[in-house]
Amino acid sequence: MTLRLSDGEAEALRRRAEYEHRSMQDVVRQAIREYVEGHSRADLLDRVLDDELPRYSEALERLGQ
């Protein structure tokens, strides 16, 4: 895989990696893991809500009154 960054992105990544005393690759890999994990949880929650909320819509509507 090749990741192409703009000059500004590459410089920001280089500065961050230096600040953390890590390689640029390590910083990018962690960012990807966090992105995938965060979106996976959000997708799962959205799916559960889409499946379960309609079942309780009448009760939720009553609670809202």
PDB file of N, CA and C in Angstrom:
ATOM      1  N   MET A   1       0.844  -1.172   0.000  1.00  0.00           N
ATOM      2  CA  MET A   1       0.000   0.000   0.000  1.00  0.00           C
ATOM      3  C   MET A   1       0.892   1.239   0.000  1.00  0.00           C
ATOM      4  N   THR A   2       0.501   2.210  -0.785  1.00  0.00           N
ATOM      5  CA  THR A   2       1.216   3.481  -0.822  1.00  0.00           C
ATOM      6  C   THR A   2       0.269   4.568  -0.362  1.00  0.00           C
ATOM      7  N   LEU A   3       0.722   5.372   0.554  1.00  0.00           N
ATOM      8  CA  LEU A   3      -0.079   6.482   1.064  1.00  0.00           C
ATOM      9  C   LEU A   3       0.550   7.770   0.571  1.00  0.00           C
ATOM     10  N   ARG A   4      -0.204   8.536  -0.202  1.00  0.00           N
ATOM     11  CA  ARG A   4       0.309   9.795  -0.718  1.00  0.00           C
ATOM     12  C   ARG A   4      -0.276  10.930   0.111  1.00  0.00           C
ATOM     13  N   LEU A   5       0.590  11.732   0.668  1.00  0.00           N
ATOM     14  CA  LEU A   5       0.177  12.858   1.491  1.00  0.00           C
ATOM     15  C   LEU A   5       0.614  14.158   0.825  1.00  0.00           C
ATOM     16  N   SER A   6      -0.144  15.215   1.095  1.00  0.00           N
ATOM     17  CA  SER A   6       0.297  16.521   0.635  1.00  0.00           C
ATOM     18  C   SER A   6       1.534  16.903   1.441  1.00  0.00           C
ATOM     19  N   ASP A   7       2.237  17.911   0.981  1.00  0.00           N
ATOM     20  CA  ASP A   7       3.421  18.355   1.712  1.00  0.00           C
ATOM     21  C   ASP A   7       3.048  18.774   3.132  1.00  0.00           C
ATOM     22  N   GLY A   8       1.932  19.459   3.283  1.00  0.00           N
ATOM     23  CA  GLY A   8       1.489  19.900   4.601  1.00  0.00           C
ATOM     24  C   GLY A   8       1.134  18.735   5.508  1.00  0.00           C
ATOM     25  N   GLU A   9       0.453  17.743   4.953  1.00  0.00           N
ATOM     26  CA  GLU A   9       0.095  16.558   5.741  1.00  0.00           C
ATOM     27  C   GLU A   9       1.339  15.795   6.175  1.00  0.00           C
ATOM     28  N   ALA A  10       2.284  15.645   5.256  1.00  0.00           N
ATOM     29  CA  ALA A  10       3.515  14.922   5.565  1.00  0.00           C
ATOM     30  C   ALA A  10       4.312  15.653   6.645  1.00  0.00           C
ATOM     31  N   GLU A  11       4.350  16.970   6.557  1.00  0.00           N
ATOM     32  CA  GLU A  11       5.081  17.744   7.556  1.00  0.00           C
ATOM     33  C   GLU A  11       4.405  17.657   8.926  1.00  0.00           C
ATOM     34  N   ALA A  12       3.081  17.736   8.947  1.00  0.00           N
ATOM     35  CA  ALA A  12       2.348  17.618  10.209  1.00  0.00           C
ATOM     36  C   ALA A  12       2.566  16.235  10.824  1.00  0.00           C
ATOM     37  N   LEU A  13       2.550  15.216   9.998  1.00  0.00           N
ATOM     38  CA  LEU A  13       2.784  13.852  10.478  1.00  0.00           C
ATOM     39  C   LEU A  13       4.206  13.708  11.005  1.00  0.00           C
ATOM     40  N   ARG A  14       5.170  14.250  10.288  1.00  0.00           N
ATOM     41  CA  ARG A  14       6.564  14.184  10.722  1.00  0.00           C
ATOM     42  C   ARG A  14       6.741  14.861  12.080  1.00  0.00           C
ATOM     43  N   ARG A  15       6.127  16.048  12.240  1.00  0.00           N
ATOM     44  CA  ARG A  15       6.238  16.768  13.515  1.00  0.00           C
ATOM     45  C   ARG A  15       5.593  15.975  14.647  1.00  0.00           C
ATOM     46  N   ARG A  16       4.431  15.382  14.368  1.00  0.00           N
ATOM     47  CA  ARG A  16       3.736  14.606  15.405  1.00  0.00           C
ATOM     48  C   ARG A  16       4.563  13.396  15.801  1.00  0.00           C
ATOM     49  N   ALA A  17       5.103  12.703  14.828  1.00  0.00           N
ATOM     50  CA  ALA A  17       5.922  11.520  15.101  1.00  0.00           C
ATOM     51  C   ALA A  17       7.158  11.897  15.913  1.00  0.00           C
ATOM     52  N   GLU A  18       7.796  13.001  15.566  1.00  0.00           N
ATOM     53  CA  GLU A  18       8.954  13.453  16.335  1.00  0.00           C
ATOM     54  C   GLU A  18       8.546  13.789  17.765  1.00  0.00           C
ATOM     55  N   TYR A  19       7.438  14.467  17.928  1.00  0.00           N
ATOM     56  CA  TYR A  19       6.957  14.852  19.257  1.00  0.00           C
ATOM     57  C   TYR A  19       6.718  13.618  20.129  1.00  0.00           C
ATOM     58  N   GLU A  20       6.178  12.549  19.524  1.00  0.00           N
ATOM     59  CA  GLU A  20       5.868  11.322  20.260  1.00  0.00           C
ATOM     60  C   GLU A  20       7.044  10.339  20.297  1.00  0.00           C
ATOM     61  N   HIS A  21       8.154  10.692  19.663  1.00  0.00           N
ATOM     62  CA  HIS A  21       9.322   9.807  19.582  1.00  0.00           C
ATOM     63  C   HIS A  21       8.928   8.454  18.989  1.00  0.00           C
ATOM     64  N   ARG A  22       8.174   8.548  17.908  1.00  0.00           N
ATOM     65  CA  ARG A  22       7.724   7.343  17.200  1.00  0.00           C
ATOM     66  C   ARG A  22       7.966   7.547  15.715  1.00  0.00           C
ATOM     67  N   SER A  23       7.849   6.464  14.969  1.00  0.00           N
ATOM     68  CA  SER A  23       7.988   6.584  13.518  1.00  0.00           C
ATOM     69  C   SER A  23       6.677   7.114  12.933  1.00  0.00           C
ATOM     70  N   MET A  24       6.805   7.694  11.768  1.00  0.00           N
ATOM     71  CA  MET A  24       5.601   8.173  11.075  1.00  0.00           C
ATOM     72  C   MET A  24       4.669   6.996  10.796  1.00  0.00           C
ATOM     73  N   GLN A  25       5.243   5.857  10.447  1.00  0.00           N
ATOM     74  CA  GLN A  25       4.437   4.670  10.169  1.00  0.00           C
ATOM     75  C   GLN A  25       3.635   4.254  11.401  1.00  0.00           C
ATOM     76  N   ASP A  26       4.255   4.275  12.563  1.00  0.00           N
ATOM     77  CA  ASP A  26       3.545   3.897  13.789  1.00  0.00           C
ATOM     78  C   ASP A  26       2.376   4.843  14.063  1.00  0.00           C
ATOM     79  N   VAL A  27       2.589   6.134  13.857  1.00  0.00           N
ATOM     80  CA  VAL A  27       1.522   7.111  14.085  1.00  0.00           C
ATOM     81  C   VAL A  27       0.358   6.859  13.132  1.00  0.00           C
ATOM     82  N   VAL A  28       0.658   6.611  11.875  1.00  0.00           N
ATOM     83  CA  VAL A  28      -0.390   6.359  10.880  1.00  0.00           C
ATOM     84  C   VAL A  28      -1.131   5.066  11.188  1.00  0.00           C
ATOM     85  N   ARG A  29      -0.405   4.025  11.540  1.00  0.00           N
ATOM     86  CA  ARG A  29      -1.059   2.742  11.839  1.00  0.00           C
ATOM     87  C   ARG A  29      -2.000   2.875  13.033  1.00  0.00           C
ATOM     88  N   GLN A  30      -1.576   3.601  14.069  1.00  0.00           N
ATOM     89  CA  GLN A  30      -2.448   3.800  15.222  1.00  0.00           C
ATOM     90  C   GLN A  30      -3.684   4.604  14.830  1.00  0.00           C
ATOM     91  N   ALA A  31      -3.498   5.625  14.021  1.00  0.00           N
ATOM     92  CA  ALA A  31      -4.630   6.443  13.582  1.00  0.00           C
ATOM     93  C   ALA A  31      -5.644   5.599  12.805  1.00  0.00           C
ATOM     94  N   ILE A  32      -5.156   4.715  11.965  1.00  0.00           N
ATOM     95  CA  ILE A  32      -6.052   3.844  11.200  1.00  0.00           C
ATOM     96  C   ILE A  32      -6.798   2.893  12.125  1.00  0.00           C
ATOM     97  N   ARG A  33      -6.081   2.290  13.093  1.00  0.00           N
ATOM     98  CA  ARG A  33      -6.754   1.400  14.049  1.00  0.00           C
ATOM     99  C   ARG A  33      -7.854   2.140  14.806  1.00  0.00           C
ATOM    100  N   GLU A  34      -7.544   3.335  15.301  1.00  0.00           N
ATOM    101  CA  GLU A  34      -8.532   4.103  16.053  1.00  0.00           C
ATOM    102  C   GLU A  34      -9.730   4.468  15.184  1.00  0.00           C
ATOM    103  N   TYR A  35      -9.481   4.828  13.938  1.00  0.00           N
ATOM    104  CA  TYR A  35     -10.559   5.178  13.013  1.00  0.00           C
ATOM    105  C   TYR A  35     -11.474   3.974  12.769  1.00  0.00           C
ATOM    106  N   VAL A  36     -10.876   2.835  12.458  1.00  0.00           N
ATOM    107  CA  VAL A  36     -11.662   1.634  12.158  1.00  0.00           C
ATOM    108  C   VAL A  36     -12.446   1.183  13.388  1.00  0.00           C
ATOM    109  N   GLU A  37     -11.798   1.155  14.552  1.00  0.00           N
ATOM    110  CA  GLU A  37     -12.478   0.733  15.777  1.00  0.00           C
ATOM    111  C   GLU A  37     -13.610   1.685  16.129  1.00  0.00           C
ATOM    112  N   GLY A  38     -13.365   2.966  16.026  1.00  0.00           N
ATOM    113  CA  GLY A  38     -14.391   3.960  16.347  1.00  0.00           C
ATOM    114  C   GLY A  38     -15.583   3.886  15.421  1.00  0.00           C
ATOM    115  N   HIS A  39     -15.318   3.734  14.133  1.00  0.00           N
ATOM    116  CA  HIS A  39     -16.419   3.642  13.178  1.00  0.00           C
ATOM    117  C   HIS A  39     -17.137   2.307  13.273  1.00  0.00           C
ATOM    118  N   SER A  40     -16.428   1.258  13.614  1.00  0.00           N
ATOM    119  CA  SER A  40     -17.068  -0.046  13.765  1.00  0.00           C
ATOM    120  C   SER A  40     -18.079  -0.014  14.903  1.00  0.00           C
ATOM    121  N   ARG A  41     -17.696   0.614  16.025  1.00  0.00           N
ATOM    122  CA  ARG A  41     -18.623   0.731  17.161  1.00  0.00           C
ATOM    123  C   ARG A  41     -19.821   1.575  16.792  1.00  0.00           C
ATOM    124  N   ALA A  42     -19.579   2.692  16.113  1.00  0.00           N
ATOM    125  CA  ALA A  42     -20.673   3.579  15.718  1.00  0.00           C
ATOM    126  C   ALA A  42     -21.620   2.860  14.756  1.00  0.00           C
ATOM    127  N   ASP A  43     -21.070   2.110  13.816  1.00  0.00           N
ATOM    128  CA  ASP A  43     -21.901   1.364  12.870  1.00  0.00           C
ATOM    129  C   ASP A  43     -22.744   0.318  13.583  1.00  0.00           C
ATOM    130  N   LEU A  44     -22.142  -0.373  14.549  1.00  0.00           N
ATOM    131  CA  LEU A  44     -22.876  -1.381  15.309  1.00  0.00           C
ATOM    132  C   LEU A  44     -24.010  -0.738  16.097  1.00  0.00           C
ATOM    133  N   LEU A  45     -23.726   0.371  16.753  1.00  0.00           N
ATOM    134  CA  LEU A  45     -24.760   1.073  17.514  1.00  0.00           C
ATOM    135  C   LEU A  45     -25.878   1.544  16.594  1.00  0.00           C
ATOM    136  N   ASP A  46     -25.528   2.107  15.446  1.00  0.00           N
ATOM    137  CA  ASP A  46     -26.550   2.541  14.489  1.00  0.00           C
ATOM    138  C   ASP A  46     -27.425   1.376  14.047  1.00  0.00           C
ATOM    139  N   ARG A  47     -26.805   0.240  13.796  1.00  0.00           N
ATOM    140  CA  ARG A  47     -27.566  -0.931  13.353  1.00  0.00           C
ATOM    141  C   ARG A  47     -28.523  -1.402  14.449  1.00  0.00           C
ATOM    142  N   VAL A  48     -28.036  -1.450  15.673  1.00  0.00           N
ATOM    143  CA  VAL A  48     -28.888  -1.875  16.782  1.00  0.00           C
ATOM    144  C   VAL A  48     -30.052  -0.904  16.949  1.00  0.00           C
ATOM    145  N   LEU A  49     -29.760   0.382  16.909  1.00  0.00           N
ATOM    146  CA  LEU A  49     -30.825   1.375  17.059  1.00  0.00           C
ATOM    147  C   LEU A  49     -31.841   1.280  15.918  1.00  0.00           C
ATOM    148  N   ASP A  50     -31.358   1.107  14.699  1.00  0.00           N
ATOM    149  CA  ASP A  50     -32.268   0.965  13.554  1.00  0.00           C
ATOM    150  C   ASP A  50     -33.159  -0.262  13.701  1.00  0.00           C
ATOM    151  N   ASP A  51     -32.613  -1.336  14.270  1.00  0.00           N
ATOM    152  CA  ASP A  51     -33.387  -2.573  14.426  1.00  0.00           C
ATOM    153  C   ASP A  51     -34.332  -2.524  15.618  1.00  0.00           C
ATOM    154  N   GLU A  52     -33.908  -1.912  16.707  1.00  0.00           N
ATOM    155  CA  GLU A  52     -34.663  -1.999  17.960  1.00  0.00           C
ATOM    156  C   GLU A  52     -35.595  -0.817  18.226  1.00  0.00           C
ATOM    157  N   LEU A  53     -35.250   0.373  17.799  1.00  0.00           N
ATOM    158  CA  LEU A  53     -36.099   1.530  18.104  1.00  0.00           C
ATOM    159  C   LEU A  53     -37.516   1.402  17.549  1.00  0.00           C
ATOM    160  N   PRO A  54     -37.689   0.918  16.334  1.00  0.00           N
ATOM    161  CA  PRO A  54     -39.074   0.783  15.843  1.00  0.00           C
ATOM    162  C   PRO A  54     -39.941  -0.111  16.732  1.00  0.00           C
ATOM    163  N   ARG A  55     -39.327  -1.116  17.324  1.00  0.00           N
ATOM    164  CA  ARG A  55     -40.073  -2.020  18.191  1.00  0.00           C
ATOM    165  C   ARG A  55     -40.641  -1.284  19.409  1.00  0.00           C
ATOM    166  N   TYR A  56     -39.929  -0.273  19.867  1.00  0.00           N
ATOM    167  CA  TYR A  56     -40.338   0.458  21.067  1.00  0.00           C
ATOM    168  C   TYR A  56     -40.850   1.861  20.758  1.00  0.00           C
ATOM    169  N   SER A  57     -41.170   2.142  19.521  1.00  0.00           N
ATOM    170  CA  SER A  57     -41.552   3.502  19.135  1.00  0.00           C
ATOM    171  C   SER A  57     -42.794   3.990  19.875  1.00  0.00           C
ATOM    172  N   GLU A  58     -43.789   3.130  20.052  1.00  0.00           N
ATOM    173  CA  GLU A  58     -45.005   3.550  20.755  1.00  0.00           C
ATOM    174  C   GLU A  58     -44.691   3.894  22.212  1.00  0.00           C
ATOM    175  N   ALA A  59     -43.927   3.068  22.882  1.00  0.00           N
ATOM    176  CA  ALA A  59     -43.573   3.339  24.287  1.00  0.00           C
ATOM    177  C   ALA A  59     -42.726   4.606  24.386  1.00  0.00           C
ATOM    178  N   LEU A  60     -41.798   4.804  23.469  1.00  0.00           N
ATOM    179  CA  LEU A  60     -40.980   6.000  23.493  1.00  0.00           C
ATOM    180  C   LEU A  60     -41.799   7.259  23.235  1.00  0.00           C
ATOM    181  N   GLU A  61     -42.775   7.139  22.361  1.00  0.00           N
ATOM    182  CA  GLU A  61     -43.646   8.278  22.082  1.00  0.00           C
ATOM    183  C   GLU A  61     -44.463   8.629  23.322  1.00  0.00           C
ATOM    184  N   ARG A  62     -44.970   7.631  24.018  1.00  0.00           N
ATOM    185  CA  ARG A  62     -45.724   7.877  25.250  1.00  0.00           C
ATOM    186  C   ARG A  62     -44.846   8.521  26.313  1.00  0.00           C
ATOM    187  N   LEU A  63     -43.620   8.064  26.438  1.00  0.00           N
ATOM    188  CA  LEU A  63     -42.697   8.649  27.412  1.00  0.00           C
ATOM    189  C   LEU A  63     -42.396  10.114  27.094  1.00  0.00           C
ATOM    190  N   GLY A  64     -42.411  10.431  25.829  1.00  0.00           N
ATOM    191  CA  GLY A  64     -42.115  11.800  25.414  1.00  0.00           C
ATOM    192  C   GLY A  64     -43.260  12.759  25.646  1.00  0.00           C
ATOM    193  N   GLN A  65     -44.446  12.259  25.963  1.00  0.00           N
ATOM    194  CA  GLN A  65     -45.597  13.147  26.145  1.00  0.00           C
ATOM    195  C   GLN A  65     -45.698  13.644  27.562  1.00  0.00           C
TER     196      GLN A  65
END
